[in-house]
Each structure stands twice: as C-alpha cells, then as structure tokens.
C-alpha cells in the first residue's frame, strides 16, 4: 500500500460523528492546547508505553503527541454539543484490516456514559463504513475500561503485550447488542 492510500485509511473518520449527546471529530491545530490539558492526567500514561519508570510524560511529550494526533488524525476529539472537549477516542492500525480503538475521558466527565456513547459510535462507524475488524487493548488493571469493552460487546482476544488484555468485536456482535438493547427498552404506547 502506498503512502497516499495509507493516509486515506488513517483518516477513516473525515466527517464528524454525531450522537445524541456528543460530537466526535478530528482535532485541529486550535485543539492542541485542549488536548494537552485533557491528557495532563496520570491515568493517561498508558499512551506512553516507553515510560517503564512509571514517571508521567513530560509536558513536551504530551504536546508532541497532541501535535501528531492532529497531523495524522489518529484520534477523535469527544465534544459535548457546545464544542467543549471531554476526551478522546484513539485509532490505530487503520491501514491494515483491523482497527484498534482506545479511549480517554477527562476525570471530571467520567461515570456519565461519555466513553460508552463515544466508543459505540466510533466502533459502529468503523464496522459499517470501513469494513474493519475492531479491537481494543488495555492495562489488565483498568477494570473500568475492561467493563466498558465487555458491555459494548467486545469479547476477549489474544494480546501479546505483558500486563494488557485484548478484546475484539464484529459488526454482527454490535447488531445483536443494538437489537437486544432496543428490545429491552420500554415500548412507547400511543396516548389513549
């Protein structure tokens, strides 16, 4: 695959994905300061695996990574409808036949369904529009992310990275979950 083809595959989400409560879009240069602010959190160290000493990444490392995300479109910014950034969904491996997703929501926005809504939307977009298998990998100690992956229909998958667990999902898995969720929702009855 040539560089032009690879670049077009790495930007699989060129238009914003809009959900009921969120807008997921490619970040711009103007978003870099917000991304650095979001990622100024020790729980974000997972994205800097070369840091075996456990030290948090330096502000310069975080800023450099934010610039690369903006340049290559390797993450989507999760925003509320007013445009305020809440977190990011990371995309890798898009030039192959399998995409890997990761997610980060700022601590002040956690436990409100932001990651669930954002990740579900991105996964469905990748499965339905780009014919990609979708995987997720996370630190095995990250119970919240493991629980989210399982609740979104990801099944355990092989992961060769020490200390990490892997998950994968398919389009049929996602369709089955959506059908189950719709069947479980209370049906609306017309007014008498």
N, C-alpha and C. Protein backbone atom coordinates (compact mmCIF):
# COMPACT_ATOMS: atom_id res chain seq x y z
N UNK A 1 0.85 -1.17 0.00
CA UNK A 1 0.00 0.00 0.00
C UNK A 1 0.90 1.24 0.00
N UNK A 2 0.61 2.20 -0.88
CA UNK A 2 1.46 3.38 -0.92
C UNK A 2 1.05 4.39 0.17
N UNK A 3 1.88 5.41 0.36
CA UNK A 3 1.67 6.39 1.43
C UNK A 3 0.33 7.11 1.27
N UNK A 4 -0.07 7.43 0.05
CA UNK A 4 -1.35 8.10 -0.16
C UNK A 4 -2.53 7.24 0.29
N UNK A 5 -2.46 5.95 -0.04
CA UNK A 5 -3.52 5.04 0.39
C UNK A 5 -3.52 4.90 1.90
N UNK A 6 -2.32 4.81 2.50
CA UNK A 6 -2.24 4.66 3.94
C UNK A 6 -2.81 5.90 4.62
N UNK A 7 -2.50 7.10 4.12
CA UNK A 7 -3.00 8.32 4.73
C UNK A 7 -4.52 8.37 4.64
N UNK A 8 -5.09 7.93 3.51
CA UNK A 8 -6.55 7.97 3.40
C UNK A 8 -7.20 6.97 4.35
N UNK A 9 -6.55 5.85 4.63
CA UNK A 9 -7.11 4.88 5.57
C UNK A 9 -6.95 5.35 7.01
N UNK A 10 -5.88 6.09 7.32
CA UNK A 10 -5.71 6.54 8.70
C UNK A 10 -6.72 7.61 9.05
N UNK A 11 -7.31 8.24 8.06
CA UNK A 11 -8.33 9.26 8.31
C UNK A 11 -9.71 8.72 7.93
N UNK A 12 -10.07 7.61 8.55
CA UNK A 12 -11.33 6.97 8.21
C UNK A 12 -12.54 7.74 8.68
N UNK A 13 -12.34 8.69 9.55
CA UNK A 13 -13.45 9.48 10.05
C UNK A 13 -13.21 10.93 9.66
N UNK A 14 -13.57 11.26 8.43
CA UNK A 14 -13.31 12.63 7.96
C UNK A 14 -14.42 13.59 8.36
N UNK A 15 -15.66 13.09 8.44
CA UNK A 15 -16.77 13.92 8.88
C UNK A 15 -17.05 13.63 10.34
N UNK A 16 -17.54 14.61 11.08
CA UNK A 16 -17.86 14.35 12.48
C UNK A 16 -18.90 13.24 12.62
N UNK A 17 -18.78 12.49 13.69
CA UNK A 17 -19.79 11.51 14.08
C UNK A 17 -20.62 12.19 15.16
N UNK A 18 -21.90 12.29 14.92
CA UNK A 18 -22.77 12.99 15.86
C UNK A 18 -23.70 11.96 16.51
N UNK A 19 -23.73 11.95 17.82
CA UNK A 19 -24.62 11.07 18.57
C UNK A 19 -25.67 11.93 19.26
N UNK A 20 -26.45 11.31 20.09
CA UNK A 20 -27.49 12.05 20.81
C UNK A 20 -26.91 13.16 21.69
N UNK A 21 -25.75 12.89 22.31
CA UNK A 21 -25.17 13.84 23.27
C UNK A 21 -23.77 14.32 22.94
N UNK A 22 -23.17 13.80 21.87
CA UNK A 22 -21.76 14.07 21.61
C UNK A 22 -21.50 14.37 20.14
N UNK A 23 -20.36 15.01 19.91
CA UNK A 23 -19.81 15.18 18.57
C UNK A 23 -18.39 14.66 18.63
N UNK A 24 -18.06 13.72 17.77
CA UNK A 24 -16.70 13.17 17.68
C UNK A 24 -16.11 13.65 16.37
N UNK A 25 -14.99 14.34 16.46
CA UNK A 25 -14.41 14.94 15.25
C UNK A 25 -12.89 14.90 15.32
N UNK A 26 -12.30 15.02 14.13
CA UNK A 26 -10.85 15.13 14.08
C UNK A 26 -10.43 16.44 14.74
N UNK A 27 -9.38 16.40 15.54
CA UNK A 27 -8.91 17.65 16.15
C UNK A 27 -8.18 18.51 15.13
N UNK A 28 -8.15 19.80 15.41
CA UNK A 28 -7.42 20.76 14.58
C UNK A 28 -6.27 21.32 15.40
N UNK A 29 -5.43 22.09 14.75
CA UNK A 29 -4.31 22.74 15.44
C UNK A 29 -4.83 23.58 16.61
N UNK A 30 -5.99 24.18 16.44
CA UNK A 30 -6.57 25.01 17.51
C UNK A 30 -6.94 24.18 18.73
N UNK A 31 -7.07 22.87 18.59
CA UNK A 31 -7.45 22.00 19.71
C UNK A 31 -6.26 21.49 20.51
N UNK A 32 -5.04 21.73 20.05
CA UNK A 32 -3.88 21.12 20.70
C UNK A 32 -3.78 21.48 22.18
N UNK A 33 -4.03 22.73 22.54
CA UNK A 33 -3.94 23.13 23.96
C UNK A 33 -4.99 22.39 24.78
N UNK A 34 -6.19 22.23 24.23
CA UNK A 34 -7.23 21.48 24.95
C UNK A 34 -6.85 20.02 25.12
N UNK A 35 -6.25 19.44 24.10
CA UNK A 35 -5.83 18.04 24.18
C UNK A 35 -4.75 17.88 25.25
N UNK A 36 -3.78 18.77 25.27
CA UNK A 36 -2.73 18.71 26.29
C UNK A 36 -3.36 18.85 27.68
N UNK A 37 -4.32 19.74 27.84
CA UNK A 37 -5.00 19.91 29.13
C UNK A 37 -5.73 18.64 29.52
N UNK A 38 -6.44 18.02 28.58
CA UNK A 38 -7.14 16.77 28.86
C UNK A 38 -6.18 15.68 29.31
N UNK A 39 -5.06 15.57 28.63
CA UNK A 39 -4.14 14.48 28.88
C UNK A 39 -3.19 14.72 30.05
N UNK A 40 -3.29 15.86 30.72
CA UNK A 40 -2.45 16.14 31.87
C UNK A 40 -3.02 15.40 33.08
N UNK A 41 -2.95 14.08 33.01
CA UNK A 41 -3.59 13.22 33.99
C UNK A 41 -2.77 11.94 34.09
N UNK A 42 -2.37 11.52 35.30
CA UNK A 42 -1.56 10.30 35.43
C UNK A 42 -2.21 9.07 34.82
N UNK A 43 -3.53 9.02 34.76
CA UNK A 43 -4.18 7.83 34.19
C UNK A 43 -4.01 7.77 32.68
N UNK A 44 -3.49 8.81 32.09
CA UNK A 44 -3.27 8.81 30.64
C UNK A 44 -1.90 8.24 30.28
N UNK A 45 -1.12 7.83 31.25
CA UNK A 45 0.23 7.29 30.97
C UNK A 45 0.22 6.09 30.06
N UNK A 46 -0.91 5.38 29.93
CA UNK A 46 -0.95 4.18 29.09
C UNK A 46 -0.55 4.47 27.65
N UNK A 47 -0.71 5.72 27.21
CA UNK A 47 -0.38 6.02 25.84
C UNK A 47 1.11 6.26 25.64
N UNK A 48 1.86 6.23 26.71
CA UNK A 48 3.31 6.44 26.65
C UNK A 48 4.01 5.18 27.17
N UNK A 49 3.88 4.06 26.43
CA UNK A 49 4.38 2.79 26.94
C UNK A 49 5.90 2.73 27.07
N UNK A 50 6.61 3.65 26.46
CA UNK A 50 8.06 3.65 26.58
C UNK A 50 8.50 4.11 27.95
N UNK A 51 7.57 4.60 28.76
CA UNK A 51 7.88 5.09 30.10
C UNK A 51 7.80 3.94 31.10
N UNK A 52 8.83 3.11 31.18
CA UNK A 52 8.80 1.97 32.08
C UNK A 52 9.07 2.38 33.52
N UNK A 53 9.57 3.58 33.75
CA UNK A 53 9.87 4.02 35.11
C UNK A 53 8.63 4.49 35.86
N UNK A 54 7.48 4.54 35.18
CA UNK A 54 6.26 4.96 35.84
C UNK A 54 6.11 6.46 35.97
N UNK A 55 7.11 7.21 35.54
CA UNK A 55 7.03 8.67 35.63
C UNK A 55 6.03 9.18 34.60
N UNK A 56 5.28 10.21 34.97
CA UNK A 56 4.34 10.76 33.99
C UNK A 56 5.09 11.37 32.81
N UNK A 57 4.46 11.42 31.65
CA UNK A 57 5.11 12.04 30.50
C UNK A 57 5.33 13.52 30.78
N UNK A 58 6.36 14.05 30.20
CA UNK A 58 6.64 15.48 30.36
C UNK A 58 5.63 16.28 29.55
N UNK A 59 5.42 17.54 29.91
CA UNK A 59 4.52 18.38 29.10
C UNK A 59 4.95 18.42 27.63
N UNK A 60 6.25 18.40 27.37
CA UNK A 60 6.73 18.43 25.99
C UNK A 60 6.34 17.15 25.25
N UNK A 61 6.40 15.98 25.93
CA UNK A 61 6.00 14.72 25.31
C UNK A 61 4.50 14.73 25.00
N UNK A 62 3.71 15.22 25.94
CA UNK A 62 2.26 15.27 25.72
C UNK A 62 1.94 16.21 24.57
N UNK A 63 2.59 17.37 24.52
CA UNK A 63 2.35 18.34 23.44
C UNK A 63 2.76 17.75 22.09
N UNK A 64 3.89 17.05 22.05
CA UNK A 64 4.34 16.43 20.79
C UNK A 64 3.34 15.38 20.34
N UNK A 65 2.82 14.60 21.27
CA UNK A 65 1.83 13.60 20.89
C UNK A 65 0.54 14.26 20.40
N UNK A 66 0.12 15.32 21.05
CA UNK A 66 -1.08 16.05 20.61
C UNK A 66 -0.90 16.58 19.19
N UNK A 67 0.30 17.08 18.88
CA UNK A 67 0.56 17.56 17.51
C UNK A 67 0.49 16.42 16.51
N UNK A 68 1.01 15.23 16.88
CA UNK A 68 0.99 14.11 15.93
C UNK A 68 -0.45 13.62 15.73
N UNK A 69 -1.27 13.63 16.77
CA UNK A 69 -2.66 13.23 16.65
C UNK A 69 -3.38 14.17 15.68
N UNK A 70 -3.11 15.45 15.81
CA UNK A 70 -3.73 16.44 14.93
C UNK A 70 -3.26 16.25 13.49
N UNK A 71 -1.97 16.00 13.33
CA UNK A 71 -1.41 15.87 11.98
C UNK A 71 -1.91 14.62 11.27
N UNK A 72 -1.94 13.49 11.99
CA UNK A 72 -2.26 12.22 11.34
C UNK A 72 -3.70 11.76 11.53
N UNK A 73 -4.49 12.48 12.32
CA UNK A 73 -5.88 12.09 12.53
C UNK A 73 -6.02 10.78 13.26
N UNK A 74 -5.11 10.50 14.19
CA UNK A 74 -5.12 9.22 14.88
C UNK A 74 -5.96 9.22 16.15
N UNK A 75 -6.71 10.26 16.36
CA UNK A 75 -7.66 10.30 17.48
C UNK A 75 -8.80 11.23 17.10
N UNK A 76 -9.92 10.99 17.71
CA UNK A 76 -11.07 11.87 17.57
C UNK A 76 -11.28 12.58 18.89
N UNK A 77 -11.61 13.83 18.81
CA UNK A 77 -11.92 14.61 20.00
C UNK A 77 -13.39 14.37 20.34
N UNK A 78 -13.67 14.00 21.58
CA UNK A 78 -15.05 13.84 22.05
C UNK A 78 -15.47 15.19 22.60
N UNK A 79 -16.53 15.76 22.04
CA UNK A 79 -17.01 17.07 22.48
C UNK A 79 -18.47 16.99 22.87
N UNK A 80 -18.87 17.88 23.79
CA UNK A 80 -20.31 18.00 24.05
C UNK A 80 -20.91 18.80 22.91
N UNK A 81 -22.24 18.91 22.83
CA UNK A 81 -22.85 19.62 21.69
C UNK A 81 -22.40 21.07 21.56
N UNK A 82 -21.95 21.68 22.65
CA UNK A 82 -21.46 23.05 22.60
C UNK A 82 -20.01 23.17 22.16
N UNK A 83 -19.34 22.02 21.95
CA UNK A 83 -17.96 22.02 21.47
C UNK A 83 -16.92 21.85 22.55
N UNK A 84 -17.31 21.75 23.83
CA UNK A 84 -16.33 21.59 24.90
C UNK A 84 -15.73 20.18 24.84
N UNK A 85 -14.39 20.06 24.83
CA UNK A 85 -13.74 18.76 24.77
C UNK A 85 -13.90 17.98 26.07
N UNK A 86 -14.27 16.70 25.95
CA UNK A 86 -14.48 15.84 27.10
C UNK A 86 -13.47 14.71 27.17
N UNK A 87 -12.88 14.36 26.02
CA UNK A 87 -11.94 13.25 25.96
C UNK A 87 -11.56 12.95 24.53
N UNK A 88 -11.00 11.77 24.34
CA UNK A 88 -10.54 11.36 23.01
C UNK A 88 -10.80 9.88 22.78
N UNK A 89 -10.99 9.51 21.53
CA UNK A 89 -11.03 8.10 21.11
C UNK A 89 -9.86 7.94 20.15
N UNK A 90 -8.96 7.01 20.48
CA UNK A 90 -7.74 6.81 19.70
C UNK A 90 -7.93 5.71 18.69
N UNK A 91 -7.35 5.89 17.52
CA UNK A 91 -7.47 4.95 16.42
C UNK A 91 -6.08 4.57 15.94
N UNK A 92 -5.84 3.28 15.79
CA UNK A 92 -4.57 2.86 15.21
C UNK A 92 -4.81 1.61 14.37
N UNK A 93 -3.83 1.29 13.54
CA UNK A 93 -3.92 0.11 12.69
C UNK A 93 -4.89 0.24 11.54
N UNK A 94 -5.32 1.44 11.24
CA UNK A 94 -6.36 1.61 10.24
C UNK A 94 -5.89 1.30 8.82
N UNK A 95 -4.61 1.23 8.60
CA UNK A 95 -4.11 0.91 7.25
C UNK A 95 -4.11 -0.60 7.04
N UNK A 96 -4.36 -1.36 8.09
CA UNK A 96 -4.49 -2.81 7.96
C UNK A 96 -5.98 -3.14 7.89
N UNK A 97 -6.34 -4.37 8.09
CA UNK A 97 -7.75 -4.74 8.06
C UNK A 97 -8.38 -4.74 9.46
N UNK A 98 -7.60 -4.37 10.47
CA UNK A 98 -8.09 -4.33 11.84
C UNK A 98 -7.76 -3.00 12.46
N UNK A 99 -8.76 -2.35 13.00
CA UNK A 99 -8.55 -1.09 13.70
C UNK A 99 -8.47 -1.38 15.20
N UNK A 100 -7.66 -0.61 15.88
CA UNK A 100 -7.62 -0.69 17.34
C UNK A 100 -8.14 0.63 17.88
N UNK A 101 -9.03 0.55 18.85
CA UNK A 101 -9.55 1.76 19.48
C UNK A 101 -9.12 1.79 20.93
N UNK A 102 -8.93 2.99 21.41
CA UNK A 102 -8.67 3.25 22.81
C UNK A 102 -9.45 4.49 23.18
N UNK A 103 -9.65 4.73 24.45
CA UNK A 103 -10.46 5.88 24.82
C UNK A 103 -9.92 6.50 26.10
N UNK A 104 -10.17 7.76 26.21
CA UNK A 104 -9.81 8.52 27.39
C UNK A 104 -10.87 9.60 27.60
N UNK A 105 -11.40 9.66 28.81
CA UNK A 105 -12.34 10.71 29.18
C UNK A 105 -11.75 11.41 30.40
N UNK A 106 -11.76 12.73 30.38
CA UNK A 106 -11.22 13.51 31.50
C UNK A 106 -11.94 13.14 32.79
N UNK A 107 -11.23 13.11 33.91
CA UNK A 107 -11.83 12.67 35.17
C UNK A 107 -13.15 13.36 35.53
N UNK A 108 -13.26 14.64 35.25
CA UNK A 108 -14.48 15.36 35.62
C UNK A 108 -15.69 14.98 34.76
N UNK A 109 -15.47 14.21 33.69
CA UNK A 109 -16.57 13.79 32.81
C UNK A 109 -16.83 12.29 32.86
N UNK A 110 -16.14 11.58 33.74
CA UNK A 110 -16.30 10.14 33.83
C UNK A 110 -17.58 9.75 34.57
N UNK A 111 -17.97 8.50 34.37
CA UNK A 111 -19.13 7.90 35.04
C UNK A 111 -20.44 8.57 34.64
N UNK A 112 -20.47 9.11 33.40
CA UNK A 112 -21.69 9.73 32.89
C UNK A 112 -22.07 9.17 31.52
N UNK A 113 -21.42 8.09 31.09
CA UNK A 113 -21.76 7.46 29.83
C UNK A 113 -21.07 8.05 28.61
N UNK A 114 -20.13 8.98 28.82
CA UNK A 114 -19.45 9.63 27.69
C UNK A 114 -18.65 8.60 26.89
N UNK A 115 -17.82 7.81 27.56
CA UNK A 115 -16.99 6.83 26.85
C UNK A 115 -17.88 5.80 26.15
N UNK A 116 -18.91 5.33 26.81
CA UNK A 116 -19.81 4.33 26.21
C UNK A 116 -20.41 4.86 24.91
N UNK A 117 -20.96 6.06 24.95
CA UNK A 117 -21.61 6.62 23.76
C UNK A 117 -20.60 6.89 22.65
N UNK A 118 -19.43 7.42 23.02
CA UNK A 118 -18.41 7.75 22.02
C UNK A 118 -17.82 6.50 21.38
N UNK A 119 -17.43 5.54 22.20
CA UNK A 119 -16.79 4.33 21.66
C UNK A 119 -17.79 3.54 20.81
N UNK A 120 -19.04 3.42 21.28
CA UNK A 120 -20.04 2.69 20.48
C UNK A 120 -20.17 3.35 19.10
N UNK A 121 -20.25 4.67 19.05
CA UNK A 121 -20.43 5.37 17.78
C UNK A 121 -19.24 5.15 16.85
N UNK A 122 -18.03 5.23 17.39
CA UNK A 122 -16.83 5.04 16.56
C UNK A 122 -16.74 3.60 16.08
N UNK A 123 -16.98 2.65 16.96
CA UNK A 123 -16.91 1.24 16.58
C UNK A 123 -17.92 0.94 15.48
N UNK A 124 -19.15 1.39 15.64
CA UNK A 124 -20.15 1.16 14.60
C UNK A 124 -19.75 1.82 13.29
N UNK A 125 -19.20 3.02 13.36
CA UNK A 125 -18.74 3.71 12.14
C UNK A 125 -17.67 2.88 11.43
N UNK A 126 -16.68 2.40 12.18
CA UNK A 126 -15.59 1.63 11.56
C UNK A 126 -16.11 0.32 10.98
N UNK A 127 -17.00 -0.36 11.70
CA UNK A 127 -17.51 -1.64 11.22
C UNK A 127 -18.41 -1.47 10.00
N UNK A 128 -19.30 -0.48 10.05
CA UNK A 128 -20.28 -0.32 8.98
C UNK A 128 -19.73 0.37 7.73
N UNK A 129 -18.84 1.33 7.90
CA UNK A 129 -18.39 2.14 6.78
C UNK A 129 -17.03 1.77 6.22
N UNK A 130 -16.24 1.03 6.96
CA UNK A 130 -14.87 0.77 6.51
C UNK A 130 -14.49 -0.69 6.52
N UNK A 131 -15.44 -1.57 6.86
CA UNK A 131 -15.21 -3.00 6.80
C UNK A 131 -13.94 -3.41 7.55
N UNK A 132 -13.76 -2.83 8.73
CA UNK A 132 -12.61 -3.14 9.55
C UNK A 132 -13.04 -3.96 10.76
N UNK A 133 -12.25 -4.95 11.13
CA UNK A 133 -12.44 -5.59 12.42
C UNK A 133 -11.98 -4.57 13.47
N UNK A 134 -12.52 -4.63 14.67
CA UNK A 134 -12.17 -3.65 15.69
C UNK A 134 -11.71 -4.37 16.95
N UNK A 135 -10.57 -3.91 17.46
CA UNK A 135 -10.00 -4.46 18.68
C UNK A 135 -9.76 -3.34 19.68
N UNK A 136 -9.63 -3.73 20.93
CA UNK A 136 -9.26 -2.80 21.99
C UNK A 136 -8.25 -3.52 22.88
N UNK A 137 -7.31 -2.76 23.40
CA UNK A 137 -6.30 -3.32 24.31
C UNK A 137 -6.16 -2.34 25.46
N UNK A 138 -6.08 -2.88 26.67
CA UNK A 138 -5.94 -2.00 27.82
C UNK A 138 -5.15 -2.69 28.91
N UNK A 139 -4.69 -1.90 29.86
CA UNK A 139 -3.99 -2.42 31.02
C UNK A 139 -4.95 -3.37 31.75
N UNK A 140 -4.46 -4.55 32.13
CA UNK A 140 -5.36 -5.50 32.78
C UNK A 140 -5.88 -5.00 34.12
N UNK A 141 -5.24 -4.02 34.73
CA UNK A 141 -5.71 -3.45 35.99
C UNK A 141 -6.81 -2.41 35.79
N UNK A 142 -7.09 -2.03 34.55
CA UNK A 142 -8.09 -1.00 34.27
C UNK A 142 -9.47 -1.64 34.18
N UNK A 143 -10.07 -1.85 35.36
CA UNK A 143 -11.35 -2.53 35.43
C UNK A 143 -12.46 -1.76 34.71
N UNK A 144 -12.42 -0.44 34.79
CA UNK A 144 -13.47 0.36 34.15
C UNK A 144 -13.45 0.18 32.64
N UNK A 145 -12.28 0.23 32.02
CA UNK A 145 -12.19 0.06 30.57
C UNK A 145 -12.52 -1.37 30.16
N UNK A 146 -12.08 -2.34 30.95
CA UNK A 146 -12.43 -3.74 30.64
C UNK A 146 -13.94 -3.92 30.69
N UNK A 147 -14.58 -3.36 31.72
CA UNK A 147 -16.03 -3.47 31.84
C UNK A 147 -16.75 -2.80 30.69
N UNK A 148 -16.25 -1.64 30.27
CA UNK A 148 -16.85 -0.94 29.14
C UNK A 148 -16.73 -1.79 27.88
N UNK A 149 -15.54 -2.31 27.62
CA UNK A 149 -15.34 -3.13 26.42
C UNK A 149 -16.30 -4.32 26.42
N UNK A 150 -16.42 -5.00 27.54
CA UNK A 150 -17.31 -6.16 27.61
C UNK A 150 -18.77 -5.74 27.42
N UNK A 151 -19.17 -4.62 28.02
CA UNK A 151 -20.56 -4.18 27.89
C UNK A 151 -20.89 -3.72 26.48
N UNK A 152 -19.87 -3.34 25.72
CA UNK A 152 -20.08 -2.93 24.33
C UNK A 152 -19.99 -4.10 23.36
N UNK A 153 -19.89 -5.32 23.88
CA UNK A 153 -19.88 -6.48 23.00
C UNK A 153 -18.52 -6.94 22.55
N UNK A 154 -17.47 -6.40 23.12
CA UNK A 154 -16.13 -6.88 22.81
C UNK A 154 -15.92 -8.19 23.55
N UNK A 155 -15.37 -9.18 22.89
CA UNK A 155 -15.06 -10.47 23.50
C UNK A 155 -13.55 -10.54 23.74
N UNK A 156 -13.12 -11.31 24.75
CA UNK A 156 -11.68 -11.44 24.98
C UNK A 156 -10.96 -11.91 23.71
N UNK A 157 -9.79 -11.35 23.47
CA UNK A 157 -8.98 -11.69 22.30
C UNK A 157 -7.53 -11.76 22.73
N UNK A 158 -6.74 -12.40 21.93
CA UNK A 158 -5.32 -12.54 22.22
C UNK A 158 -4.64 -11.18 22.30
N UNK A 159 -3.76 -11.05 23.29
CA UNK A 159 -2.96 -9.84 23.43
C UNK A 159 -1.60 -10.26 23.93
N UNK A 160 -0.57 -9.96 23.15
CA UNK A 160 0.79 -10.39 23.49
C UNK A 160 1.56 -9.36 24.31
N UNK A 161 0.93 -8.27 24.65
CA UNK A 161 1.61 -7.21 25.42
C UNK A 161 1.49 -7.53 26.91
N UNK A 162 2.60 -7.67 27.58
CA UNK A 162 2.62 -8.00 29.01
C UNK A 162 1.83 -6.98 29.82
N UNK A 163 0.95 -7.48 30.68
CA UNK A 163 0.16 -6.60 31.54
C UNK A 163 -1.07 -6.02 30.89
N UNK A 164 -1.36 -6.44 29.66
CA UNK A 164 -2.52 -5.92 28.94
C UNK A 164 -3.49 -7.04 28.62
N UNK A 165 -4.74 -6.67 28.40
CA UNK A 165 -5.75 -7.61 27.94
C UNK A 165 -6.31 -7.09 26.63
N UNK A 166 -6.75 -8.01 25.78
CA UNK A 166 -7.27 -7.62 24.47
C UNK A 166 -8.72 -8.04 24.32
N UNK A 167 -9.43 -7.29 23.46
CA UNK A 167 -10.82 -7.55 23.16
C UNK A 167 -11.04 -7.30 21.68
N UNK A 168 -12.07 -7.93 21.10
CA UNK A 168 -12.40 -7.71 19.70
C UNK A 168 -13.92 -7.78 19.55
N UNK A 169 -14.42 -7.15 18.49
CA UNK A 169 -15.85 -7.19 18.20
C UNK A 169 -16.05 -7.21 16.69
N UNK A 170 -17.23 -7.63 16.30
CA UNK A 170 -17.59 -7.69 14.88
C UNK A 170 -18.87 -6.90 14.65
N UNK A 171 -19.19 -6.68 13.40
CA UNK A 171 -20.41 -5.98 13.06
C UNK A 171 -21.63 -6.76 13.55
N UNK A 172 -21.62 -8.08 13.41
CA UNK A 172 -22.76 -8.87 13.87
C UNK A 172 -22.91 -8.78 15.39
N UNK A 173 -21.79 -8.81 16.12
CA UNK A 173 -21.87 -8.63 17.58
C UNK A 173 -22.58 -7.32 17.91
N UNK A 174 -22.18 -6.25 17.22
CA UNK A 174 -22.75 -4.95 17.51
C UNK A 174 -24.23 -4.89 17.13
N UNK A 175 -24.59 -5.48 16.00
CA UNK A 175 -26.01 -5.50 15.61
C UNK A 175 -26.84 -6.29 16.62
N UNK A 176 -26.30 -7.40 17.11
CA UNK A 176 -27.02 -8.19 18.11
C UNK A 176 -27.24 -7.39 19.39
N UNK A 177 -26.24 -6.66 19.81
CA UNK A 177 -26.35 -5.86 21.04
C UNK A 177 -27.36 -4.74 20.85
N UNK A 178 -27.31 -4.06 19.72
CA UNK A 178 -28.28 -2.99 19.47
C UNK A 178 -29.70 -3.53 19.44
N UNK A 179 -29.89 -4.70 18.82
CA UNK A 179 -31.23 -5.30 18.77
C UNK A 179 -31.69 -5.67 20.18
N UNK A 180 -30.79 -6.23 20.97
CA UNK A 180 -31.13 -6.58 22.35
C UNK A 180 -31.49 -5.33 23.16
N UNK A 181 -30.70 -4.26 23.01
CA UNK A 181 -30.97 -3.01 23.73
C UNK A 181 -32.32 -2.42 23.33
N UNK A 182 -32.62 -2.45 22.03
CA UNK A 182 -33.91 -1.93 21.56
C UNK A 182 -35.07 -2.77 22.09
N UNK A 183 -34.90 -4.08 22.14
CA UNK A 183 -35.96 -4.96 22.64
C UNK A 183 -36.18 -4.74 24.14
N UNK A 184 -35.12 -4.40 24.87
CA UNK A 184 -35.24 -4.21 26.31
C UNK A 184 -35.81 -2.84 26.67
N UNK A 185 -35.73 -1.88 25.75
CA UNK A 185 -36.25 -0.53 26.03
C UNK A 185 -37.76 -0.58 26.12
N UNK A 186 -38.33 0.16 27.08
CA UNK A 186 -39.80 0.16 27.17
C UNK A 186 -40.40 0.71 25.89
N UNK A 187 -41.41 0.02 25.40
CA UNK A 187 -42.04 0.49 24.17
C UNK A 187 -42.96 1.67 24.48
N UNK A 188 -43.05 2.59 23.56
CA UNK A 188 -43.91 3.74 23.74
C UNK A 188 -45.31 3.37 23.27
N UNK A 189 -46.27 3.74 24.07
CA UNK A 189 -47.65 3.45 23.71
C UNK A 189 -48.33 4.75 23.33
N UNK A 190 -49.16 4.70 22.29
CA UNK A 190 -49.86 5.92 21.92
C UNK A 190 -50.83 6.35 23.03
N UNK A 191 -51.01 7.65 23.15
CA UNK A 191 -51.94 8.17 24.16
C UNK A 191 -53.36 7.72 23.82
N UNK A 192 -54.11 7.41 24.87
CA UNK A 192 -55.49 6.93 24.66
C UNK A 192 -56.42 8.06 24.31
